[in-house]
Amino acid sequence: MPSLAVPLWDVGNGQGLRQLGELGLALLLSSLIGWEREAQQKSAGLRTHTLVGVASALMMEVSQHGFTHVLGLANVSFDPSRVAAQIVSGIGFIGGGLIFVRRDAVRGLTTAATIWLTCAVGMACGGGLPILALATTALHFLVVRGYPALSRRLARGAVPATAELRLTYLTGRALLPRLMEMCTGRGFRILQVTAERLPGRTDDAARVLLRLEGTADAGRLASELFHTEGVVDVDVSLGDSDEQDA
């Protein structure tokens, strides 16, 4: 019967330069993905993605080489794909923790998907598939950097967007109807109007919230409103989108 005793530092038992190189490649690629998320100021950034990629690569190395010393025993069978399947299942806990809902909009989907992709890149590195790992990393940058601009171009003029304008203006000039007319004249539909007086000011100013919907440029509209006589301050915020994430 083969002996189960294996030297601790047996470099021939899946602990050689090839395996260290695969871990190093996982470190590099997952760090690149994490750096991109860190640059976007997402909650899961450089450290999280790097740890996910390296850990996935290590678990693949263990799956392939960690049980070779028992394969020669009688009545012992081994399915290396079981460890890989558990990696895919386990990464869902991290991804699920990055997704949350705010103001009826789902956020964090892209970052959760990136965590999942980083896990796959690490598994490819640990599984001895460096070309696929490199190609997937390149595709990641293509998708997260190039697709938003493509989506905006395809959706321009087709899908109305929502925006909120908070205007502070001087009262007593019948200014609000004129401001609302400017909004509708630029192609926006007014969904909600909420006005309130500002008692702490000495210039008799009021604040109004205009919730708009349309396909025009809300930033340009805000600039035009700001330069209208009697308007003190303008703040614009765009409506939430599923592509905005954590």
C-alpha atoms as a PDB file:
ATOM      1  CA  MET A   1       0.000   0.000   0.000  1.00  0.00           C
ATOM      2  CA  PRO A   2       1.426   3.405  -0.921  1.00  0.00           C
ATOM      3  CA  SER A   3       2.425   5.546   1.986  1.00  0.00           C
ATOM      4  CA  LEU A   4       0.373   8.663   2.795  1.00  0.00           C
ATOM      5  CA  ALA A   5       3.426  10.464   4.170  1.00  0.00           C
ATOM      6  CA  VAL A   6       4.464  13.253   1.813  1.00  0.00           C
ATOM      7  CA  PRO A   7       7.419  15.585   2.487  1.00  0.00           C
ATOM      8  CA  LEU A   8       6.255  19.051   3.491  1.00  0.00           C
ATOM      9  CA  TRP A   9       8.503  20.818   0.991  1.00  0.00           C
ATOM     10  CA  ASP A  10       8.023  18.395  -1.911  1.00  0.00           C
ATOM     11  CA  VAL A  11       8.352  20.798  -4.853  1.00  0.00           C
ATOM     12  CA  GLY A  12       7.376  18.028  -7.231  1.00  0.00           C
ATOM     13  CA  ASN A  13       3.931  17.713  -5.689  1.00  0.00           C
ATOM     14  CA  GLY A  14       2.263  20.718  -7.293  1.00  0.00           C
ATOM     15  CA  GLN A  15       4.494  23.256  -5.543  1.00  0.00           C
ATOM     16  CA  GLY A  16       6.961  24.103  -8.270  1.00  0.00           C
ATOM     17  CA  LEU A  17       7.838  27.199 -10.275  1.00  0.00           C
ATOM     18  CA  ARG A  18       4.897  26.655 -12.638  1.00  0.00           C
ATOM     19  CA  GLN A  19       2.374  26.878  -9.798  1.00  0.00           C
ATOM     20  CA  LEU A  20       4.100  29.937  -8.347  1.00  0.00           C
ATOM     21  CA  GLY A  21       4.007  31.534 -11.787  1.00  0.00           C
ATOM     22  CA  GLU A  22       0.288  30.827 -12.080  1.00  0.00           C
ATOM     23  CA  LEU A  23      -0.328  32.435  -8.696  1.00  0.00           C
ATOM     24  CA  GLY A  24       1.767  35.420  -9.775  1.00  0.00           C
ATOM     25  CA  LEU A  25      -0.254  35.793 -12.965  1.00  0.00           C
ATOM     26  CA  ALA A  26      -3.476  35.663 -10.946  1.00  0.00           C
ATOM     27  CA  LEU A  27      -2.061  38.353  -8.672  1.00  0.00           C
ATOM     28  CA  LEU A  28      -1.225  40.596 -11.628  1.00  0.00           C
ATOM     29  CA  LEU A  29      -4.492  40.211 -13.525  1.00  0.00           C
ATOM     30  CA  SER A  30      -6.769  40.483 -10.503  1.00  0.00           C
ATOM     31  CA  SER A  31      -4.828  43.558  -9.369  1.00  0.00           C
ATOM     32  CA  LEU A  32      -5.443  45.193 -12.755  1.00  0.00           C
ATOM     33  CA  ILE A  33      -9.170  44.530 -12.472  1.00  0.00           C
ATOM     34  CA  GLY A  34      -9.213  45.757  -8.891  1.00  0.00           C
ATOM     35  CA  TRP A  35      -7.287  48.886  -9.828  1.00  0.00           C
ATOM     36  CA  GLU A  36      -9.972  49.783 -12.364  1.00  0.00           C
ATOM     37  CA  ARG A  37     -12.719  49.383  -9.739  1.00  0.00           C
ATOM     38  CA  GLU A  38     -10.636  51.369  -7.233  1.00  0.00           C
ATOM     39  CA  ALA A  39     -10.266  54.173  -9.784  1.00  0.00           C
ATOM     40  CA  GLN A  40     -14.060  54.263 -10.072  1.00  0.00           C
ATOM     41  CA  GLN A  41     -14.280  54.547  -6.264  1.00  0.00           C
ATOM     42  CA  LYS A  42     -16.303  51.355  -5.860  1.00  0.00           C
ATOM     43  CA  SER A  43     -16.741  49.626  -2.518  1.00  0.00           C
ATOM     44  CA  ALA A  44     -14.907  46.523  -3.740  1.00  0.00           C
ATOM     45  CA  GLY A  45     -11.599  47.789  -5.030  1.00  0.00           C
ATOM     46  CA  LEU A  46      -7.973  46.760  -5.410  1.00  0.00           C
ATOM     47  CA  ARG A  47      -7.567  44.618  -2.292  1.00  0.00           C
ATOM     48  CA  THR A  48     -10.863  42.762  -2.616  1.00  0.00           C
ATOM     49  CA  HIS A  49     -10.403  41.828  -6.268  1.00  0.00           C
ATOM     50  CA  THR A  50      -6.775  40.853  -5.758  1.00  0.00           C
ATOM     51  CA  LEU A  51      -7.577  38.574  -2.847  1.00  0.00           C
ATOM     52  CA  VAL A  52     -10.450  36.960  -4.742  1.00  0.00           C
ATOM     53  CA  GLY A  53      -8.265  36.267  -7.778  1.00  0.00           C
ATOM     54  CA  VAL A  54      -5.303  34.867  -5.855  1.00  0.00           C
ATOM     55  CA  ALA A  55      -7.506  32.767  -3.570  1.00  0.00           C
ATOM     56  CA  SER A  56      -9.361  31.310  -6.553  1.00  0.00           C
ATOM     57  CA  ALA A  57      -6.065  30.426  -8.221  1.00  0.00           C
ATOM     58  CA  LEU A  58      -4.789  28.758  -5.043  1.00  0.00           C
ATOM     59  CA  MET A  59      -7.972  26.710  -4.674  1.00  0.00           C
ATOM     60  CA  MET A  60      -7.591  25.517  -8.254  1.00  0.00           C
ATOM     61  CA  GLU A  61      -3.997  24.488  -7.519  1.00  0.00           C
ATOM     62  CA  VAL A  62      -5.212  22.580  -4.470  1.00  0.00           C
ATOM     63  CA  SER A  63      -7.936  20.980  -6.580  1.00  0.00           C
ATOM     64  CA  GLN A  64      -5.412  19.743  -9.141  1.00  0.00           C
ATOM     65  CA  HIS A  65      -2.409  18.883  -6.986  1.00  0.00           C
ATOM     66  CA  GLY A  66      -3.478  18.713  -3.379  1.00  0.00           C
ATOM     67  CA  PHE A  67      -4.807  15.166  -3.430  1.00  0.00           C
ATOM     68  CA  THR A  68      -2.425  13.406  -5.819  1.00  0.00           C
ATOM     69  CA  HIS A  69      -0.820  11.393  -3.002  1.00  0.00           C
ATOM     70  CA  VAL A  70      -4.053   9.496  -2.361  1.00  0.00           C
ATOM     71  CA  LEU A  71      -4.916   8.667  -5.968  1.00  0.00           C
ATOM     72  CA  GLY A  72      -2.889   5.476  -5.879  1.00  0.00           C
ATOM     73  CA  LEU A  73      -4.867   4.019  -2.999  1.00  0.00           C
ATOM     74  CA  ALA A  74      -7.432   1.309  -3.604  1.00  0.00           C
ATOM     75  CA  ASN A  75     -11.100   2.350  -3.766  1.00  0.00           C
ATOM     76  CA  VAL A  76     -10.174   6.053  -3.989  1.00  0.00           C
ATOM     77  CA  SER A  77     -11.676   8.209  -6.721  1.00  0.00           C
ATOM     78  CA  PHE A  78     -11.161  11.923  -7.170  1.00  0.00           C
ATOM     79  CA  ASP A  79     -13.105  14.544  -9.131  1.00  0.00           C
ATOM     80  CA  PRO A  80     -11.063  17.774  -9.322  1.00  0.00           C
ATOM     81  CA  SER A  81     -14.035  19.719 -10.708  1.00  0.00           C
ATOM     82  CA  ARG A  82     -15.790  19.570  -7.337  1.00  0.00           C
ATOM     83  CA  VAL A  83     -13.500  22.208  -5.833  1.00  0.00           C
ATOM     84  CA  ALA A  84     -13.991  24.483  -8.848  1.00  0.00           C
ATOM     85  CA  ALA A  85     -17.759  24.167  -8.508  1.00  0.00           C
ATOM     86  CA  GLN A  86     -17.569  25.146  -4.839  1.00  0.00           C
ATOM     87  CA  ILE A  87     -15.493  28.221  -5.713  1.00  0.00           C
ATOM     88  CA  VAL A  88     -18.213  29.408  -8.095  1.00  0.00           C
ATOM     89  CA  SER A  89     -20.895  28.821  -5.466  1.00  0.00           C
ATOM     90  CA  GLY A  90     -18.955  30.480  -2.658  1.00  0.00           C
ATOM     91  CA  ILE A  91     -18.137  33.661  -4.550  1.00  0.00           C
ATOM     92  CA  GLY A  92     -21.859  34.399  -4.692  1.00  0.00           C
ATOM     93  CA  PHE A  93     -21.781  35.381  -1.009  1.00  0.00           C
ATOM     94  CA  ILE A  94     -19.313  38.188  -1.712  1.00  0.00           C
ATOM     95  CA  GLY A  95     -21.138  39.314  -4.832  1.00  0.00           C
ATOM     96  CA  GLY A  96     -24.493  39.319  -3.069  1.00  0.00           C
ATOM     97  CA  GLY A  97     -23.112  41.536  -0.327  1.00  0.00           C
ATOM     98  CA  LEU A  98     -22.193  44.206  -2.884  1.00  0.00           C
ATOM     99  CA  ILE A  99     -25.700  44.555  -4.311  1.00  0.00           C
ATOM    100  CA  PHE A 100     -28.136  46.892  -2.609  1.00  0.00           C
ATOM    101  CA  VAL A 101     -31.222  48.924  -3.438  1.00  0.00           C
ATOM    102  CA  ARG A 102     -31.379  52.699  -3.026  1.00  0.00           C
ATOM    103  CA  ARG A 103     -34.336  54.831  -4.061  1.00  0.00           C
ATOM    104  CA  ASP A 104     -35.881  51.910  -5.980  1.00  0.00           C
ATOM    105  CA  ALA A 105     -32.698  51.466  -8.043  1.00  0.00           C
ATOM    106  CA  VAL A 106     -30.474  48.389  -7.886  1.00  0.00           C
ATOM    107  CA  ARG A 107     -26.807  49.241  -7.396  1.00  0.00           C
ATOM    108  CA  GLY A 108     -23.665  47.160  -7.270  1.00  0.00           C
ATOM    109  CA  LEU A 109     -24.520  44.737 -10.084  1.00  0.00           C
ATOM    110  CA  THR A 110     -21.485  45.608 -12.187  1.00  0.00           C
ATOM    111  CA  THR A 111     -19.078  45.374  -9.241  1.00  0.00           C
ATOM    112  CA  ALA A 112     -20.593  42.036  -8.173  1.00  0.00           C
ATOM    113  CA  ALA A 113     -20.196  40.743 -11.723  1.00  0.00           C
ATOM    114  CA  THR A 114     -16.588  41.964 -11.732  1.00  0.00           C
ATOM    115  CA  ILE A 115     -15.914  40.020  -8.534  1.00  0.00           C
ATOM    116  CA  TRP A 116     -17.341  36.941 -10.244  1.00  0.00           C
ATOM    117  CA  LEU A 117     -15.178  37.561 -13.316  1.00  0.00           C
ATOM    118  CA  THR A 118     -12.064  38.028 -11.171  1.00  0.00           C
ATOM    119  CA  CYS A 119     -12.799  34.701  -9.543  1.00  0.00           C
ATOM    120  CA  ALA A 120     -12.983  33.088 -12.986  1.00  0.00           C
ATOM    121  CA  VAL A 121      -9.692  34.738 -14.021  1.00  0.00           C
ATOM    122  CA  GLY A 122      -8.011  33.377 -10.910  1.00  0.00           C
ATOM    123  CA  MET A 123      -9.414  29.915 -11.586  1.00  0.00           C
ATOM    124  CA  ALA A 124      -8.095  30.049 -15.147  1.00  0.00           C
ATOM    125  CA  CYS A 125      -4.638  31.016 -13.891  1.00  0.00           C
ATOM    126  CA  GLY A 126      -4.639  28.228 -11.309  1.00  0.00           C
ATOM    127  CA  GLY A 127      -6.003  25.776 -13.872  1.00  0.00           C
ATOM    128  CA  GLY A 128      -3.128  26.376 -16.261  1.00  0.00           C
ATOM    129  CA  LEU A 129      -5.065  28.454 -18.805  1.00  0.00           C
ATOM    130  CA  PRO A 130      -3.094  31.725 -18.918  1.00  0.00           C
ATOM    131  CA  ILE A 131      -4.180  32.743 -22.421  1.00  0.00           C
ATOM    132  CA  LEU A 132      -7.851  32.570 -21.463  1.00  0.00           C
ATOM    133  CA  ALA A 133      -7.104  34.512 -18.272  1.00  0.00           C
ATOM    134  CA  LEU A 134      -5.320  37.267 -20.210  1.00  0.00           C
ATOM    135  CA  ALA A 135      -8.084  37.444 -22.829  1.00  0.00           C
ATOM    136  CA  THR A 136     -10.798  37.648 -20.162  1.00  0.00           C
ATOM    137  CA  THR A 137      -8.964  40.462 -18.370  1.00  0.00           C
ATOM    138  CA  ALA A 138      -8.724  42.395 -21.628  1.00  0.00           C
ATOM    139  CA  LEU A 139     -12.432  41.816 -22.274  1.00  0.00           C
ATOM    140  CA  HIS A 140     -13.201  43.147 -18.798  1.00  0.00           C
ATOM    141  CA  PHE A 141     -11.611  46.499 -19.626  1.00  0.00           C
ATOM    142  CA  LEU A 142     -13.387  46.568 -22.974  1.00  0.00           C
ATOM    143  CA  VAL A 143     -16.776  46.031 -21.324  1.00  0.00           C
ATOM    144  CA  VAL A 144     -16.499  48.301 -18.274  1.00  0.00           C
ATOM    145  CA  ARG A 145     -14.723  51.128 -20.089  1.00  0.00           C
ATOM    146  CA  GLY A 146     -16.122  50.958 -23.616  1.00  0.00           C
ATOM    147  CA  TYR A 147     -19.690  49.750 -23.166  1.00  0.00           C
ATOM    148  CA  PRO A 148     -21.002  52.699 -21.079  1.00  0.00           C
ATOM    149  CA  ALA A 149     -20.125  55.123 -23.882  1.00  0.00           C
ATOM    150  CA  LEU A 150     -21.666  52.755 -26.432  1.00  0.00           C
ATOM    151  CA  SER A 151     -24.831  52.417 -24.353  1.00  0.00           C
ATOM    152  CA  ARG A 152     -25.179  56.179 -24.040  1.00  0.00           C
ATOM    153  CA  ARG A 153     -24.775  56.569 -27.777  1.00  0.00           C
ATOM    154  CA  LEU A 154     -27.356  53.894 -28.562  1.00  0.00           C
ATOM    155  CA  ALA A 155     -29.819  55.251 -26.005  1.00  0.00           C
ATOM    156  CA  ARG A 156     -29.428  58.904 -26.954  1.00  0.00           C
ATOM    157  CA  GLY A 157     -32.733  60.249 -28.187  1.00  0.00           C
ATOM    158  CA  ALA A 158     -34.516  56.952 -27.518  1.00  0.00           C
ATOM    159  CA  VAL A 159     -34.977  56.450 -23.773  1.00  0.00           C
ATOM    160  CA  PRO A 160     -36.135  59.426 -21.695  1.00  0.00           C
ATOM    161  CA  ALA A 161     -34.051  60.099 -18.599  1.00  0.00           C
ATOM    162  CA  THR A 162     -35.154  61.691 -15.350  1.00  0.00           C
ATOM    163  CA  ALA A 163     -33.463  64.597 -13.626  1.00  0.00           C
ATOM    164  CA  GLU A 164     -34.078  66.674 -10.526  1.00  0.00           C
ATOM    165  CA  LEU A 165     -33.463  70.419 -10.503  1.00  0.00           C
ATOM    166  CA  ARG A 166     -33.296  72.308  -7.205  1.00  0.00           C
ATOM    167  CA  LEU A 167     -33.651  76.013  -7.866  1.00  0.00           C
ATOM    168  CA  THR A 168     -33.273  78.881  -5.426  1.00  0.00           C
ATOM    169  CA  TYR A 169     -34.822  82.036  -6.836  1.00  0.00           C
ATOM    170  CA  LEU A 170     -36.066  85.449  -5.727  1.00  0.00           C
ATOM    171  CA  THR A 171     -39.805  85.712  -5.193  1.00  0.00           C
ATOM    172  CA  GLY A 172     -42.135  88.535  -6.211  1.00  0.00           C
ATOM    173  CA  ARG A 173     -41.160  88.425  -9.893  1.00  0.00           C
ATOM    174  CA  ALA A 174     -43.478  85.682 -11.182  1.00  0.00           C
ATOM    175  CA  LEU A 175     -40.287  83.823 -12.004  1.00  0.00           C
ATOM    176  CA  LEU A 176     -41.358  80.226 -11.370  1.00  0.00           C
ATOM    177  CA  PRO A 177     -43.794  79.984 -14.309  1.00  0.00           C
ATOM    178  CA  ARG A 178     -41.085  81.338 -16.625  1.00  0.00           C
ATOM    179  CA  LEU A 179     -38.566  78.787 -15.330  1.00  0.00           C
ATOM    180  CA  MET A 180     -41.042  75.964 -15.853  1.00  0.00           C
ATOM    181  CA  GLU A 181     -41.718  77.237 -19.360  1.00  0.00           C
ATOM    182  CA  MET A 182     -37.984  77.097 -20.079  1.00  0.00           C
ATOM    183  CA  CYS A 183     -37.918  73.454 -18.978  1.00  0.00           C
ATOM    184  CA  THR A 184     -40.800  72.438 -21.218  1.00  0.00           C
ATOM    185  CA  GLY A 185     -39.383  74.517 -24.062  1.00  0.00           C
ATOM    186  CA  ARG A 186     -36.181  72.462 -23.942  1.00  0.00           C
ATOM    187  CA  GLY A 187     -38.129  69.218 -24.396  1.00  0.00           C
ATOM    188  CA  PHE A 188     -38.582  68.162 -20.771  1.00  0.00           C
ATOM    189  CA  ARG A 189     -41.806  67.007 -19.169  1.00  0.00           C
ATOM    190  CA  ILE A 190     -42.395  68.221 -15.610  1.00  0.00           C
ATOM    191  CA  LEU A 191     -43.328  65.300 -13.363  1.00  0.00           C
ATOM    192  CA  GLN A 192     -43.331  67.023  -9.989  1.00  0.00           C
ATOM    193  CA  VAL A 193     -43.081  70.538  -8.569  1.00  0.00           C
ATOM    194  CA  THR A 194     -42.364  71.139  -4.886  1.00  0.00           C
ATOM    195  CA  ALA A 195     -41.784  74.683  -3.628  1.00  0.00           C
ATOM    196  CA  GLU A 196     -40.857  75.986  -0.179  1.00  0.00           C
ATOM    197  CA  ARG A 197     -39.884  79.344   1.272  1.00  0.00           C
ATOM    198  CA  LEU A 198     -36.529  79.919   2.916  1.00  0.00           C
ATOM    199  CA  PRO A 199     -37.240  81.817   6.137  1.00  0.00           C
ATOM    200  CA  GLY A 200     -33.584  82.332   7.068  1.00  0.00           C
ATOM    201  CA  ARG A 201     -32.808  84.585   4.099  1.00  0.00           C
ATOM    202  CA  THR A 202     -33.292  88.339   3.899  1.00  0.00           C
ATOM    203  CA  ASP A 203     -33.684  88.463   0.111  1.00  0.00           C
ATOM    204  CA  ASP A 204     -37.131  86.779   0.076  1.00  0.00           C
ATOM    205  CA  ALA A 205     -35.899  83.706  -1.759  1.00  0.00           C
ATOM    206  CA  ALA A 206     -37.725  80.426  -2.301  1.00  0.00           C
ATOM    207  CA  ARG A 207     -36.605  76.965  -3.328  1.00  0.00           C
ATOM    208  CA  VAL A 208     -38.350  74.705  -5.802  1.00  0.00           C
ATOM    209  CA  LEU A 209     -37.734  71.088  -6.758  1.00  0.00           C
ATOM    210  CA  LEU A 210     -38.530  70.232 -10.362  1.00  0.00           C
ATOM    211  CA  ARG A 211     -38.539  66.568 -11.304  1.00  0.00           C
ATOM    212  CA  LEU A 212     -38.163  66.343 -15.069  1.00  0.00           C
ATOM    213  CA  GLU A 213     -38.219  63.674 -17.744  1.00  0.00           C
ATOM    214  CA  GLY A 214     -36.809  64.040 -21.220  1.00  0.00           C
ATOM    215  CA  THR A 215     -34.053  63.229 -23.672  1.00  0.00           C
ATOM    216  CA  ALA A 216     -32.315  66.637 -23.742  1.00  0.00           C
ATOM    217  CA  ASP A 217     -29.180  67.623 -21.835  1.00  0.00           C
ATOM    218  CA  ALA A 218     -30.186  68.413 -18.246  1.00  0.00           C
ATOM    219  CA  GLY A 219     -26.806  69.995 -17.532  1.00  0.00           C
ATOM    220  CA  ARG A 220     -27.231  72.524 -20.311  1.00  0.00           C
ATOM    221  CA  LEU A 221     -30.725  73.337 -19.075  1.00  0.00           C
ATOM    222  CA  ALA A 222     -29.364  73.902 -15.551  1.00  0.00           C
ATOM    223  CA  SER A 223     -26.747  76.282 -16.944  1.00  0.00           C
ATOM    224  CA  GLU A 224     -29.393  78.296 -18.797  1.00  0.00           C
ATOM    225  CA  LEU A 225     -31.586  78.488 -15.710  1.00  0.00           C
ATOM    226  CA  PHE A 226     -28.664  79.606 -13.557  1.00  0.00           C
ATOM    227  CA  HIS A 227     -27.962  82.541 -15.867  1.00  0.00           C
ATOM    228  CA  THR A 228     -31.581  83.683 -15.676  1.00  0.00           C
ATOM    229  CA  GLU A 229     -32.007  86.921 -13.738  1.00  0.00           C
ATOM    230  CA  GLY A 230     -33.438  86.263 -10.290  1.00  0.00           C
ATOM    231  CA  VAL A 231     -32.093  82.703 -10.009  1.00  0.00           C
ATOM    232  CA  VAL A 232     -29.691  82.405  -7.090  1.00  0.00           C
ATOM    233  CA  ASP A 233     -28.628  78.767  -7.222  1.00  0.00           C
ATOM    234  CA  VAL A 234     -29.227  75.653  -9.356  1.00  0.00           C
ATOM    235  CA  ASP A 235     -28.393  72.054  -8.466  1.00  0.00           C
ATOM    236  CA  VAL A 236     -29.030  69.164 -10.863  1.00  0.00           C
ATOM    237  CA  SER A 237     -28.977  65.432 -10.192  1.00  0.00           C
ATOM    238  CA  LEU A 238     -29.570  62.779 -12.823  1.00  0.00           C
ATOM    239  CA  GLY A 239     -31.938  59.890 -12.315  1.00  0.00           C
ATOM    240  CA  ASP A 240     -30.596  56.549 -11.050  1.00  0.00           C
ATOM    241  CA  SER A 241     -29.677  53.791 -13.474  1.00  0.00           C
ATOM    242  CA  ASP A 242     -29.059  50.087 -13.087  1.00  0.00           C
ATOM    243  CA  GLU A 243     -25.593  50.587 -14.483  1.00  0.00           C
ATOM    244  CA  GLN A 244     -24.644  52.842 -11.571  1.00  0.00           C
ATOM    245  CA  ASP A 245     -23.126  50.531  -8.948  1.00  0.00           C
ATOM    246  CA  ALA A 246     -21.173  50.294  -5.812  1.00  0.00           C
END
